[in-house]
Amino acid sequence: MVKQKRERSVNFTQHETNFLISLIEARKHTIENKKSDATTWQEKQKAWREIEKVFNRASDGTVFRDHKHLKLKYEALKRDAKKKIAVGADPDKTGGGTSPVQALTHATEDEKGNEMIFLPVEVNVSVSESETDSDSIMQNNPMDKKPYDRLMEEKLEIAEIQRKVVAEELEHKLIQRKILETEYEHKMVMHELEKQHLRLKIELLKRELNKN
């Protein structure tokens, strides 16, 4: 019985979801930065660590959410938001061609239903696709899919997110390795300079002794 309670507590409550979105909103420019260099990666890691710290400090202490778990939840929220945009896209509002649409896409309500938190997600909507592939969009509607199909789709998406997390960790390790290699090369250069300096000193001493 105790084990079952712990398993259920892993699920995010509505309050936790709303709070997580508010923390991400305050750091969205860092988290959604499209750059992939080492500095940007470190800034993103720092932002997620801050979110983890603030989130768990404000929680009641029953469940600890690390930054990886929080990031997975955020990716799931974005995924759901993109699905809602794909289903509800209005071709008349796209302006023709393919254009980026910045919309308030993911809405979550609290238990009383009187509070709305919105998550901005940027996606591309094509007018031609909206006009000619409406049947395909309806077929991809998550609400029309069988529970088993939705479950398998979600599992595949979670696996893809986890793969990305592992790839980021590997990239971080490679960056650390490069830093260590650079430090080692610097130490070797300094060591060689010290050796040359000592040789010069010895040579000068020999010359002075020969003069005497």
N, C-alpha and C. Protein backbone atom coordinates (compact mmCIF):
# COMPACT_ATOMS: atom_id res chain seq x y z
N MET A 1 0.82 -1.20 0.00
CA MET A 1 0.00 0.00 0.00
C MET A 1 0.86 1.25 0.00
N VAL A 2 1.94 1.22 0.77
CA VAL A 2 2.82 2.39 0.84
C VAL A 2 3.48 2.64 -0.50
N LYS A 3 3.88 1.53 -1.17
CA LYS A 3 4.54 1.66 -2.46
C LYS A 3 3.61 2.29 -3.50
N GLN A 4 2.31 1.91 -3.48
CA GLN A 4 1.36 2.47 -4.44
C GLN A 4 1.18 3.96 -4.25
N LYS A 5 1.13 4.41 -3.00
CA LYS A 5 0.99 5.84 -2.74
C LYS A 5 2.18 6.61 -3.30
N ARG A 6 3.36 6.07 -3.15
CA ARG A 6 4.55 6.75 -3.66
C ARG A 6 4.53 6.83 -5.18
N GLU A 7 4.03 5.77 -5.84
CA GLU A 7 3.98 5.79 -7.30
C GLU A 7 3.01 6.86 -7.80
N ARG A 8 1.85 7.00 -7.11
CA ARG A 8 0.88 8.00 -7.54
C ARG A 8 1.41 9.41 -7.32
N SER A 9 2.23 9.60 -6.28
CA SER A 9 2.72 10.94 -5.96
C SER A 9 3.70 11.46 -7.01
N VAL A 10 4.21 10.56 -7.86
CA VAL A 10 5.13 10.99 -8.91
C VAL A 10 4.43 11.92 -9.90
N ASN A 11 3.13 11.69 -10.13
CA ASN A 11 2.39 12.55 -11.05
C ASN A 11 2.34 13.98 -10.53
N PHE A 12 2.47 14.92 -11.44
CA PHE A 12 2.41 16.34 -11.08
C PHE A 12 0.98 16.73 -10.74
N THR A 13 0.81 17.48 -9.67
CA THR A 13 -0.49 18.05 -9.37
C THR A 13 -0.70 19.27 -10.26
N GLN A 14 -1.95 19.76 -10.32
CA GLN A 14 -2.22 20.94 -11.13
C GLN A 14 -1.45 22.15 -10.60
N HIS A 15 -1.36 22.24 -9.28
CA HIS A 15 -0.63 23.36 -8.67
C HIS A 15 0.85 23.30 -9.04
N GLU A 16 1.43 22.09 -9.01
CA GLU A 16 2.84 21.93 -9.38
C GLU A 16 3.07 22.32 -10.85
N THR A 17 2.15 21.89 -11.71
CA THR A 17 2.28 22.21 -13.13
C THR A 17 2.24 23.72 -13.37
N ASN A 18 1.27 24.38 -12.72
CA ASN A 18 1.16 25.84 -12.87
C ASN A 18 2.41 26.55 -12.36
N PHE A 19 2.92 26.08 -11.23
CA PHE A 19 4.10 26.69 -10.62
C PHE A 19 5.33 26.49 -11.50
N LEU A 20 5.47 25.28 -12.05
CA LEU A 20 6.59 24.99 -12.95
C LEU A 20 6.56 25.90 -14.17
N ILE A 21 5.38 26.09 -14.76
CA ILE A 21 5.25 26.95 -15.93
C ILE A 21 5.65 28.39 -15.60
N SER A 22 5.27 28.85 -14.41
CA SER A 22 5.62 30.23 -14.02
C SER A 22 7.12 30.38 -13.85
N LEU A 23 7.80 29.35 -13.33
CA LEU A 23 9.26 29.40 -13.17
C LEU A 23 9.95 29.39 -14.53
N ILE A 24 9.44 28.58 -15.44
CA ILE A 24 10.03 28.52 -16.79
C ILE A 24 9.80 29.82 -17.54
N GLU A 25 8.61 30.40 -17.37
CA GLU A 25 8.28 31.66 -18.04
C GLU A 25 9.28 32.75 -17.69
N ALA A 26 9.73 32.77 -16.43
CA ALA A 26 10.69 33.79 -15.98
C ALA A 26 12.07 33.58 -16.58
N ARG A 27 12.34 32.36 -17.10
CA ARG A 27 13.67 32.05 -17.65
C ARG A 27 13.57 31.54 -19.09
N LYS A 28 12.46 31.87 -19.77
CA LYS A 28 12.22 31.30 -21.10
C LYS A 28 13.26 31.73 -22.13
N HIS A 29 13.82 32.93 -21.98
CA HIS A 29 14.80 33.40 -22.96
C HIS A 29 16.08 32.56 -22.90
N THR A 30 16.39 32.03 -21.73
CA THR A 30 17.56 31.16 -21.59
C THR A 30 17.22 29.74 -22.01
N ILE A 31 16.11 29.22 -21.50
CA ILE A 31 15.73 27.83 -21.76
C ILE A 31 15.41 27.58 -23.23
N GLU A 32 14.78 28.56 -23.89
CA GLU A 32 14.39 28.40 -25.29
C GLU A 32 15.43 28.97 -26.26
N ASN A 33 16.62 29.28 -25.78
CA ASN A 33 17.68 29.78 -26.64
C ASN A 33 18.05 28.71 -27.68
N LYS A 34 18.06 29.06 -28.94
CA LYS A 34 18.29 28.11 -30.02
C LYS A 34 19.77 27.78 -30.23
N LYS A 35 20.67 28.55 -29.61
CA LYS A 35 22.09 28.30 -29.79
C LYS A 35 22.48 26.97 -29.13
N SER A 36 23.57 26.36 -29.63
CA SER A 36 23.99 25.06 -29.12
C SER A 36 25.46 25.05 -28.69
N ASP A 37 26.02 26.23 -28.44
CA ASP A 37 27.41 26.29 -28.01
C ASP A 37 27.53 25.95 -26.53
N ALA A 38 28.76 25.79 -26.07
CA ALA A 38 29.01 25.36 -24.69
C ALA A 38 28.50 26.37 -23.67
N THR A 39 28.68 27.66 -23.95
CA THR A 39 28.23 28.70 -23.01
C THR A 39 26.72 28.67 -22.84
N THR A 40 25.99 28.56 -23.96
CA THR A 40 24.52 28.50 -23.89
C THR A 40 24.08 27.25 -23.14
N TRP A 41 24.75 26.13 -23.39
CA TRP A 41 24.39 24.88 -22.71
C TRP A 41 24.56 25.03 -21.20
N GLN A 42 25.66 25.64 -20.78
CA GLN A 42 25.89 25.84 -19.36
C GLN A 42 24.86 26.77 -18.74
N GLU A 43 24.46 27.80 -19.49
CA GLU A 43 23.43 28.73 -19.00
C GLU A 43 22.09 28.01 -18.82
N LYS A 44 21.77 27.13 -19.76
CA LYS A 44 20.52 26.37 -19.65
C LYS A 44 20.56 25.45 -18.44
N GLN A 45 21.70 24.77 -18.25
CA GLN A 45 21.83 23.88 -17.09
C GLN A 45 21.67 24.66 -15.79
N LYS A 46 22.27 25.85 -15.74
CA LYS A 46 22.17 26.69 -14.55
C LYS A 46 20.73 27.09 -14.31
N ALA A 47 20.00 27.44 -15.38
CA ALA A 47 18.59 27.84 -15.25
C ALA A 47 17.74 26.69 -14.72
N TRP A 48 17.97 25.48 -15.22
CA TRP A 48 17.20 24.33 -14.74
C TRP A 48 17.55 23.99 -13.30
N ARG A 49 18.80 24.17 -12.91
CA ARG A 49 19.18 23.94 -11.51
C ARG A 49 18.47 24.94 -10.60
N GLU A 50 18.37 26.18 -11.06
CA GLU A 50 17.66 27.20 -10.27
C GLU A 50 16.18 26.86 -10.14
N ILE A 51 15.59 26.40 -11.25
CA ILE A 51 14.18 26.00 -11.22
C ILE A 51 13.99 24.84 -10.24
N GLU A 52 14.90 23.87 -10.28
CA GLU A 52 14.82 22.74 -9.34
C GLU A 52 14.86 23.22 -7.89
N LYS A 53 15.77 24.13 -7.60
CA LYS A 53 15.93 24.63 -6.24
C LYS A 53 14.69 25.37 -5.76
N VAL A 54 14.18 26.29 -6.58
CA VAL A 54 13.00 27.08 -6.20
C VAL A 54 11.77 26.19 -6.12
N PHE A 55 11.62 25.28 -7.07
CA PHE A 55 10.44 24.42 -7.11
C PHE A 55 10.35 23.56 -5.86
N ASN A 56 11.44 22.91 -5.49
CA ASN A 56 11.42 22.01 -4.33
C ASN A 56 11.35 22.78 -3.01
N ARG A 57 11.89 24.00 -3.00
CA ARG A 57 11.81 24.81 -1.80
C ARG A 57 10.35 25.18 -1.51
N ALA A 58 9.58 25.39 -2.57
CA ALA A 58 8.18 25.80 -2.40
C ALA A 58 7.22 24.63 -2.23
N SER A 59 7.70 23.41 -2.50
CA SER A 59 6.82 22.24 -2.40
C SER A 59 6.64 21.85 -0.94
N ASP A 60 5.69 20.93 -0.71
CA ASP A 60 5.43 20.50 0.66
C ASP A 60 6.41 19.45 1.14
N GLY A 61 7.35 19.06 0.28
CA GLY A 61 8.39 18.12 0.69
C GLY A 61 8.03 16.66 0.50
N THR A 62 6.85 16.34 0.00
CA THR A 62 6.46 14.94 -0.17
C THR A 62 7.18 14.28 -1.34
N VAL A 63 7.42 15.04 -2.40
CA VAL A 63 8.09 14.50 -3.59
C VAL A 63 9.17 15.46 -4.04
N PHE A 64 10.38 14.95 -4.21
CA PHE A 64 11.48 15.79 -4.71
C PHE A 64 11.54 15.65 -6.22
N ARG A 65 11.53 16.77 -6.91
CA ARG A 65 11.61 16.79 -8.37
C ARG A 65 12.97 17.32 -8.80
N ASP A 66 13.81 16.47 -9.38
CA ASP A 66 15.10 16.98 -9.86
C ASP A 66 14.91 17.69 -11.20
N HIS A 67 15.95 18.39 -11.64
CA HIS A 67 15.82 19.22 -12.84
C HIS A 67 15.54 18.39 -14.09
N LYS A 68 16.01 17.14 -14.12
CA LYS A 68 15.74 16.29 -15.28
C LYS A 68 14.25 15.95 -15.35
N HIS A 69 13.66 15.64 -14.20
CA HIS A 69 12.23 15.33 -14.14
C HIS A 69 11.40 16.55 -14.54
N LEU A 70 11.80 17.72 -14.06
CA LEU A 70 11.09 18.95 -14.40
C LEU A 70 11.19 19.25 -15.89
N LYS A 71 12.36 18.97 -16.46
CA LYS A 71 12.55 19.22 -17.89
C LYS A 71 11.69 18.28 -18.73
N LEU A 72 11.58 17.01 -18.31
CA LEU A 72 10.74 16.06 -19.01
C LEU A 72 9.28 16.50 -18.99
N LYS A 73 8.84 17.03 -17.84
CA LYS A 73 7.47 17.51 -17.72
C LYS A 73 7.24 18.70 -18.66
N TYR A 74 8.23 19.59 -18.72
CA TYR A 74 8.12 20.76 -19.60
C TYR A 74 8.04 20.34 -21.06
N GLU A 75 8.86 19.35 -21.44
CA GLU A 75 8.82 18.87 -22.83
C GLU A 75 7.45 18.26 -23.14
N ALA A 76 6.86 17.56 -22.16
CA ALA A 76 5.53 16.98 -22.36
C ALA A 76 4.48 18.06 -22.54
N LEU A 77 4.59 19.15 -21.76
CA LEU A 77 3.65 20.27 -21.89
C LEU A 77 3.76 20.92 -23.27
N LYS A 78 4.99 21.11 -23.73
CA LYS A 78 5.19 21.70 -25.06
C LYS A 78 4.63 20.78 -26.15
N ARG A 79 4.84 19.48 -25.97
CA ARG A 79 4.35 18.53 -26.95
C ARG A 79 2.82 18.59 -27.05
N ASP A 80 2.15 18.63 -25.91
CA ASP A 80 0.69 18.73 -25.90
C ASP A 80 0.22 20.04 -26.53
N ALA A 81 0.96 21.12 -26.26
CA ALA A 81 0.59 22.43 -26.81
C ALA A 81 0.69 22.43 -28.33
N LYS A 82 1.73 21.82 -28.87
CA LYS A 82 1.90 21.76 -30.32
C LYS A 82 0.79 20.93 -30.97
N LYS A 83 0.35 19.87 -30.27
CA LYS A 83 -0.74 19.07 -30.81
C LYS A 83 -2.02 19.89 -30.90
N LYS A 84 -2.27 20.71 -29.87
CA LYS A 84 -3.48 21.54 -29.87
C LYS A 84 -3.44 22.56 -31.00
N ILE A 85 -2.26 23.12 -31.28
CA ILE A 85 -2.14 24.09 -32.37
C ILE A 85 -2.35 23.39 -33.71
N ALA A 86 -1.79 22.18 -33.87
CA ALA A 86 -1.93 21.44 -35.13
C ALA A 86 -3.39 21.14 -35.43
N VAL A 87 -4.17 20.86 -34.40
CA VAL A 87 -5.58 20.54 -34.58
C VAL A 87 -6.41 21.78 -34.80
N GLY A 88 -6.07 22.88 -34.10
CA GLY A 88 -6.90 24.08 -34.15
C GLY A 88 -6.38 25.18 -35.02
N ALA A 89 -5.38 24.92 -35.89
CA ALA A 89 -4.80 25.97 -36.74
C ALA A 89 -5.84 26.52 -37.69
N ASP A 90 -5.90 27.87 -37.82
CA ASP A 90 -6.84 28.56 -38.70
C ASP A 90 -6.10 29.08 -39.92
N PRO A 91 -6.32 28.51 -41.12
CA PRO A 91 -5.58 28.94 -42.32
C PRO A 91 -5.75 30.42 -42.62
N ASP A 92 -6.94 31.02 -42.29
CA ASP A 92 -7.19 32.42 -42.61
C ASP A 92 -6.31 33.37 -41.83
N LYS A 93 -5.69 32.87 -40.75
CA LYS A 93 -4.89 33.74 -39.89
C LYS A 93 -3.40 33.57 -40.11
N THR A 94 -3.02 32.73 -41.06
CA THR A 94 -1.60 32.48 -41.28
C THR A 94 -0.97 33.49 -42.20
N GLY A 95 -1.78 34.19 -43.05
CA GLY A 95 -1.24 35.22 -43.92
C GLY A 95 -0.60 34.69 -45.17
N GLY A 96 -0.73 33.38 -45.44
CA GLY A 96 -0.18 32.81 -46.66
C GLY A 96 1.20 32.23 -46.44
N GLY A 97 1.48 31.10 -47.11
CA GLY A 97 2.79 30.48 -47.00
C GLY A 97 2.99 29.86 -45.63
N THR A 98 4.26 29.67 -45.29
CA THR A 98 4.62 29.11 -43.99
C THR A 98 5.15 30.21 -43.10
N SER A 99 4.53 30.41 -41.97
CA SER A 99 4.95 31.51 -41.09
C SER A 99 5.02 31.03 -39.65
N PRO A 100 5.96 31.56 -38.85
CA PRO A 100 6.03 31.20 -37.44
C PRO A 100 4.88 31.82 -36.68
N VAL A 101 4.23 31.03 -35.88
CA VAL A 101 3.10 31.52 -35.09
C VAL A 101 3.47 31.45 -33.62
N GLN A 102 3.48 32.61 -32.97
CA GLN A 102 3.75 32.66 -31.52
C GLN A 102 2.40 32.79 -30.83
N ALA A 103 2.00 31.76 -30.12
CA ALA A 103 0.66 31.77 -29.53
C ALA A 103 0.70 31.29 -28.10
N LEU A 104 -0.32 31.68 -27.36
CA LEU A 104 -0.51 31.14 -26.01
C LEU A 104 -1.26 29.84 -26.19
N THR A 105 -0.50 28.73 -26.11
CA THR A 105 -1.07 27.49 -26.62
C THR A 105 -1.52 26.51 -25.55
N HIS A 106 -0.77 26.44 -24.50
CA HIS A 106 -1.11 25.41 -23.52
C HIS A 106 -1.74 26.05 -22.31
N ALA A 107 -3.01 25.76 -22.06
CA ALA A 107 -3.72 26.36 -20.93
C ALA A 107 -3.99 25.29 -19.89
N THR A 108 -3.67 25.59 -18.64
CA THR A 108 -3.95 24.67 -17.55
C THR A 108 -4.78 25.38 -16.51
N GLU A 109 -5.80 24.72 -16.04
CA GLU A 109 -6.68 25.30 -15.05
C GLU A 109 -6.42 24.67 -13.69
N ASP A 110 -6.65 25.47 -12.63
CA ASP A 110 -6.51 24.91 -11.29
C ASP A 110 -7.76 24.12 -10.95
N GLU A 111 -7.79 23.54 -9.75
CA GLU A 111 -8.90 22.67 -9.37
C GLU A 111 -10.23 23.39 -9.40
N LYS A 112 -10.28 24.70 -9.14
CA LYS A 112 -11.52 25.45 -9.12
C LYS A 112 -11.92 25.93 -10.51
N GLY A 113 -11.01 25.83 -11.47
CA GLY A 113 -11.32 26.21 -12.84
C GLY A 113 -11.39 27.70 -13.07
N ASN A 114 -10.82 28.51 -12.17
CA ASN A 114 -10.94 29.96 -12.33
C ASN A 114 -9.60 30.63 -12.58
N GLU A 115 -8.57 29.84 -12.87
CA GLU A 115 -7.25 30.43 -13.12
C GLU A 115 -6.66 29.79 -14.36
N MET A 116 -6.05 30.58 -15.23
CA MET A 116 -5.49 30.10 -16.47
C MET A 116 -4.00 30.43 -16.51
N ILE A 117 -3.15 29.43 -16.80
CA ILE A 117 -1.72 29.64 -17.00
C ILE A 117 -1.42 29.23 -18.44
N PHE A 118 -0.73 30.09 -19.18
CA PHE A 118 -0.48 29.82 -20.59
C PHE A 118 1.00 29.61 -20.85
N LEU A 119 1.29 28.66 -21.71
CA LEU A 119 2.67 28.36 -22.09
C LEU A 119 2.88 28.73 -23.54
N PRO A 120 3.78 29.70 -23.85
CA PRO A 120 4.01 30.08 -25.24
C PRO A 120 4.88 29.06 -25.96
N VAL A 121 4.45 28.64 -27.14
CA VAL A 121 5.24 27.70 -27.93
C VAL A 121 5.23 28.19 -29.37
N GLU A 122 6.39 28.19 -30.01
CA GLU A 122 6.49 28.66 -31.40
C GLU A 122 6.49 27.47 -32.34
N VAL A 123 5.56 27.47 -33.28
CA VAL A 123 5.49 26.39 -34.26
C VAL A 123 5.25 26.99 -35.64
N ASN A 124 5.46 26.18 -36.69
CA ASN A 124 5.22 26.62 -38.06
C ASN A 124 3.93 26.00 -38.57
N VAL A 125 3.07 26.83 -39.15
CA VAL A 125 1.80 26.36 -39.70
C VAL A 125 1.75 26.71 -41.17
N SER A 126 1.52 25.74 -42.03
CA SER A 126 1.46 25.95 -43.48
C SER A 126 0.01 26.06 -43.93
N VAL A 127 -0.29 27.12 -44.72
CA VAL A 127 -1.65 27.32 -45.21
C VAL A 127 -2.05 26.18 -46.12
N SER A 128 -1.16 25.80 -47.03
CA SER A 128 -1.50 24.75 -47.98
C SER A 128 -1.79 23.44 -47.26
N GLU A 129 -0.99 23.14 -46.22
CA GLU A 129 -1.21 21.93 -45.46
C GLU A 129 -2.53 21.99 -44.72
N SER A 130 -2.87 23.19 -44.19
CA SER A 130 -4.11 23.35 -43.45
C SER A 130 -5.30 23.16 -44.36
N GLU A 131 -5.17 23.58 -45.67
CA GLU A 131 -6.29 23.51 -46.59
C GLU A 131 -6.46 22.13 -47.21
N THR A 132 -5.32 21.49 -47.53
CA THR A 132 -5.40 20.24 -48.29
C THR A 132 -5.31 19.00 -47.44
N ASP A 133 -4.74 19.13 -46.23
CA ASP A 133 -4.52 17.95 -45.40
C ASP A 133 -5.39 17.96 -44.16
N SER A 134 -6.58 18.55 -44.25
CA SER A 134 -7.44 18.62 -43.07
C SER A 134 -7.84 17.24 -42.60
N ASP A 135 -8.05 16.31 -43.56
CA ASP A 135 -8.42 14.96 -43.18
C ASP A 135 -7.30 14.29 -42.40
N SER A 136 -6.05 14.55 -42.86
CA SER A 136 -4.90 13.98 -42.17
C SER A 136 -4.78 14.51 -40.76
N ILE A 137 -5.07 15.82 -40.59
CA ILE A 137 -5.00 16.43 -39.26
C ILE A 137 -6.01 15.80 -38.33
N MET A 138 -7.23 15.57 -38.85
CA MET A 138 -8.26 14.97 -38.03
C MET A 138 -7.88 13.55 -37.64
N GLN A 139 -7.19 12.86 -38.55
CA GLN A 139 -6.75 11.51 -38.22
C GLN A 139 -5.68 11.51 -37.16
N ASN A 140 -4.89 12.59 -37.10
CA ASN A 140 -3.83 12.68 -36.10
C ASN A 140 -4.30 13.28 -34.79
N ASN A 141 -5.58 13.58 -34.71
CA ASN A 141 -6.13 14.15 -33.48
C ASN A 141 -5.97 13.14 -32.35
N PRO A 142 -5.25 13.49 -31.27
CA PRO A 142 -5.03 12.55 -30.16
C PRO A 142 -6.33 12.05 -29.58
N MET A 143 -7.42 12.87 -29.66
CA MET A 143 -8.69 12.47 -29.06
C MET A 143 -9.33 11.33 -29.84
N ASP A 144 -8.98 11.20 -31.17
CA ASP A 144 -9.58 10.16 -32.00
C ASP A 144 -8.81 8.85 -31.94
N LYS A 145 -7.65 8.85 -31.33
CA LYS A 145 -6.82 7.66 -31.29
C LYS A 145 -7.25 6.74 -30.14
N LYS A 146 -6.96 5.46 -30.32
CA LYS A 146 -7.26 4.50 -29.28
C LYS A 146 -6.29 4.70 -28.11
N PRO A 147 -6.72 4.33 -26.89
CA PRO A 147 -5.84 4.49 -25.71
C PRO A 147 -4.49 3.82 -25.89
N TYR A 148 -4.47 2.63 -26.51
CA TYR A 148 -3.20 1.92 -26.69
C TYR A 148 -2.28 2.70 -27.63
N ASP A 149 -2.86 3.24 -28.73
CA ASP A 149 -2.06 4.01 -29.68
C ASP A 149 -1.49 5.26 -29.03
N ARG A 150 -2.31 5.94 -28.24
CA ARG A 150 -1.83 7.15 -27.56
C ARG A 150 -0.73 6.81 -26.57
N LEU A 151 -0.90 5.67 -25.87
CA LEU A 151 0.11 5.25 -24.90
C LEU A 151 1.44 4.96 -25.58
N MET A 152 1.40 4.24 -26.70
CA MET A 152 2.62 3.92 -27.42
C MET A 152 3.29 5.18 -27.96
N GLU A 153 2.46 6.11 -28.46
CA GLU A 153 3.00 7.37 -28.98
C GLU A 153 3.70 8.16 -27.88
N GLU A 154 3.06 8.21 -26.71
CA GLU A 154 3.65 8.95 -25.59
C GLU A 154 4.94 8.28 -25.12
N LYS A 155 4.97 6.95 -25.12
CA LYS A 155 6.19 6.24 -24.71
C LYS A 155 7.33 6.54 -25.68
N LEU A 156 7.02 6.56 -26.97
CA LEU A 156 8.05 6.87 -27.97
C LEU A 156 8.57 8.30 -27.81
N GLU A 157 7.66 9.22 -27.52
CA GLU A 157 8.06 10.62 -27.35
C GLU A 157 8.90 10.78 -26.10
N ILE A 158 8.52 10.08 -25.02
CA ILE A 158 9.31 10.14 -23.78
C ILE A 158 10.70 9.56 -24.02
N ALA A 159 10.76 8.45 -24.77
CA ALA A 159 12.06 7.85 -25.09
C ALA A 159 12.93 8.81 -25.89
N GLU A 160 12.32 9.57 -26.81
CA GLU A 160 13.06 10.55 -27.60
C GLU A 160 13.59 11.67 -26.72
N ILE A 161 12.76 12.12 -25.77
CA ILE A 161 13.20 13.17 -24.84
C ILE A 161 14.36 12.67 -23.99
N GLN A 162 14.25 11.43 -23.49
CA GLN A 162 15.32 10.86 -22.69
C GLN A 162 16.60 10.73 -23.50
N ARG A 163 16.45 10.39 -24.80
CA ARG A 163 17.63 10.29 -25.66
C ARG A 163 18.33 11.64 -25.78
N LYS A 164 17.51 12.71 -25.90
CA LYS A 164 18.07 14.05 -25.99
C LYS A 164 18.80 14.43 -24.71
N VAL A 165 18.23 14.03 -23.56
CA VAL A 165 18.87 14.33 -22.28
C VAL A 165 20.23 13.64 -22.20
N VAL A 166 20.27 12.36 -22.61
CA VAL A 166 21.53 11.61 -22.60
C VAL A 166 22.54 12.26 -23.55
N ALA A 167 22.06 12.72 -24.71
CA ALA A 167 22.94 13.37 -25.68
C ALA A 167 23.52 14.66 -25.11
N GLU A 168 22.70 15.41 -24.37
CA GLU A 168 23.19 16.64 -23.74
C GLU A 168 24.24 16.33 -22.67
N GLU A 169 23.99 15.27 -21.90
CA GLU A 169 24.96 14.87 -20.87
C GLU A 169 26.28 14.46 -21.52
N LEU A 170 26.19 13.74 -22.63
CA LEU A 170 27.41 13.33 -23.35
C LEU A 170 28.16 14.54 -23.87
N GLU A 171 27.41 15.50 -24.41
CA GLU A 171 28.03 16.73 -24.91
C GLU A 171 28.73 17.48 -23.78
N HIS A 172 28.09 17.48 -22.60
CA HIS A 172 28.69 18.13 -21.44
C HIS A 172 30.00 17.45 -21.05
N LYS A 173 30.01 16.11 -21.08
CA LYS A 173 31.23 15.37 -20.74
C LYS A 173 32.34 15.65 -21.76
N LEU A 174 31.96 15.75 -23.02
CA LEU A 174 32.96 16.05 -24.06
C LEU A 174 33.56 17.44 -23.87
N ILE A 175 32.72 18.38 -23.47
CA ILE A 175 33.20 19.74 -23.20
C ILE A 175 34.17 19.73 -22.03
N GLN A 176 33.80 18.99 -20.97
CA GLN A 176 34.69 18.88 -19.81
C GLN A 176 36.02 18.24 -20.20
N ARG A 177 35.95 17.23 -21.06
CA ARG A 177 37.18 16.56 -21.50
C ARG A 177 38.09 17.53 -22.26
N LYS A 178 37.49 18.34 -23.13
CA LYS A 178 38.27 19.32 -23.88
C LYS A 178 38.93 20.33 -22.94
N ILE A 179 38.19 20.72 -21.91
CA ILE A 179 38.74 21.66 -20.93
C ILE A 179 39.93 21.05 -20.22
N LEU A 180 39.80 19.77 -19.81
CA LEU A 180 40.90 19.08 -19.13
C LEU A 180 42.11 18.92 -20.05
N GLU A 181 41.85 18.61 -21.32
CA GLU A 181 42.95 18.47 -22.27
C GLU A 181 43.69 19.79 -22.46
N THR A 182 42.93 20.88 -22.52
CA THR A 182 43.54 22.20 -22.66
C THR A 182 44.39 22.54 -21.45
N GLU A 183 43.87 22.23 -20.26
CA GLU A 183 44.62 22.49 -19.03
C GLU A 183 45.90 21.65 -18.99
N TYR A 184 45.80 20.39 -19.44
CA TYR A 184 46.98 19.52 -19.45
C TYR A 184 48.04 20.05 -20.41
N GLU A 185 47.61 20.47 -21.60
CA GLU A 185 48.55 21.03 -22.57
C GLU A 185 49.23 22.28 -22.02
N HIS A 186 48.46 23.10 -21.32
CA HIS A 186 49.03 24.31 -20.73
C HIS A 186 50.09 23.94 -19.69
N LYS A 187 49.79 22.94 -18.86
CA LYS A 187 50.76 22.52 -17.84
C LYS A 187 52.03 21.97 -18.48
N MET A 188 51.88 21.22 -19.57
CA MET A 188 53.05 20.67 -20.25
C MET A 188 53.92 21.79 -20.83
N VAL A 189 53.28 22.80 -21.39
CA VAL A 189 54.04 23.94 -21.93
C VAL A 189 54.79 24.65 -20.82
N MET A 190 54.13 24.88 -19.70
CA MET A 190 54.77 25.55 -18.57
C MET A 190 55.93 24.72 -18.02
N HIS A 191 55.72 23.39 -17.98
CA HIS A 191 56.79 22.51 -17.50
C HIS A 191 58.01 22.59 -18.41
N GLU A 192 57.77 22.61 -19.71
CA GLU A 192 58.87 22.69 -20.66
C GLU A 192 59.61 24.02 -20.55
N LEU A 193 58.89 25.10 -20.32
CA LEU A 193 59.51 26.40 -20.13
C LEU A 193 60.38 26.42 -18.88
N GLU A 194 59.88 25.79 -17.82
CA GLU A 194 60.67 25.72 -16.58
C GLU A 194 61.95 24.93 -16.79
N LYS A 195 61.86 23.84 -17.56
CA LYS A 195 63.06 23.04 -17.85
C LYS A 195 64.09 23.86 -18.63
N GLN A 196 63.61 24.61 -19.62
CA GLN A 196 64.52 25.45 -20.40
C GLN A 196 65.16 26.52 -19.52
N HIS A 197 64.37 27.06 -18.62
CA HIS A 197 64.89 28.08 -17.71
C HIS A 197 66.00 27.50 -16.82
N LEU A 198 65.78 26.29 -16.33
CA LEU A 198 66.79 25.64 -15.49
C LEU A 198 68.06 25.34 -16.29
N ARG A 199 67.90 24.91 -17.53
CA ARG A 199 69.07 24.63 -18.37
C ARG A 199 69.90 25.89 -18.57
N LEU A 200 69.24 27.00 -18.79
CA LEU A 200 69.95 28.26 -18.96
C LEU A 200 70.71 28.64 -17.70
N LYS A 201 70.09 28.43 -16.55
CA LYS A 201 70.76 28.74 -15.29
C LYS A 201 72.00 27.88 -15.10
N ILE A 202 71.85 26.58 -15.42
CA ILE A 202 72.99 25.67 -15.28
C ILE A 202 74.11 26.07 -16.23
N GLU A 203 73.74 26.45 -17.44
CA GLU A 203 74.75 26.86 -18.42
C GLU A 203 75.49 28.11 -17.97
N LEU A 204 74.77 29.05 -17.39
CA LEU A 204 75.40 30.27 -16.88
C LEU A 204 76.34 29.97 -15.73
N LEU A 205 75.93 29.06 -14.85
CA LEU A 205 76.79 28.68 -13.72
C LEU A 205 78.07 28.00 -14.21
N LYS A 206 77.94 27.15 -15.21
CA LYS A 206 79.12 26.48 -15.76
C LYS A 206 80.11 27.50 -16.34
N ARG A 207 79.58 28.48 -17.04
CA ARG A 207 80.45 29.50 -17.64
C ARG A 207 81.17 30.31 -16.57
N GLU A 208 80.47 30.63 -15.51
CA GLU A 208 81.09 31.38 -14.42
C GLU A 208 82.18 30.57 -13.75
N LEU A 209 81.94 29.27 -13.57
CA LEU A 209 82.94 28.40 -12.95
C LEU A 209 84.17 28.26 -13.85
N ASN A 210 83.97 28.17 -15.14
CA ASN A 210 85.09 28.05 -16.07
C ASN A 210 85.95 29.32 -16.07
N LYS A 211 85.30 30.46 -15.90
CA LYS A 211 86.05 31.71 -15.84
C LYS A 211 86.95 31.76 -14.61
N ASN A 212 86.44 31.26 -13.51
CA ASN A 212 87.21 31.26 -12.27
C ASN A 212 88.32 30.21 -12.31
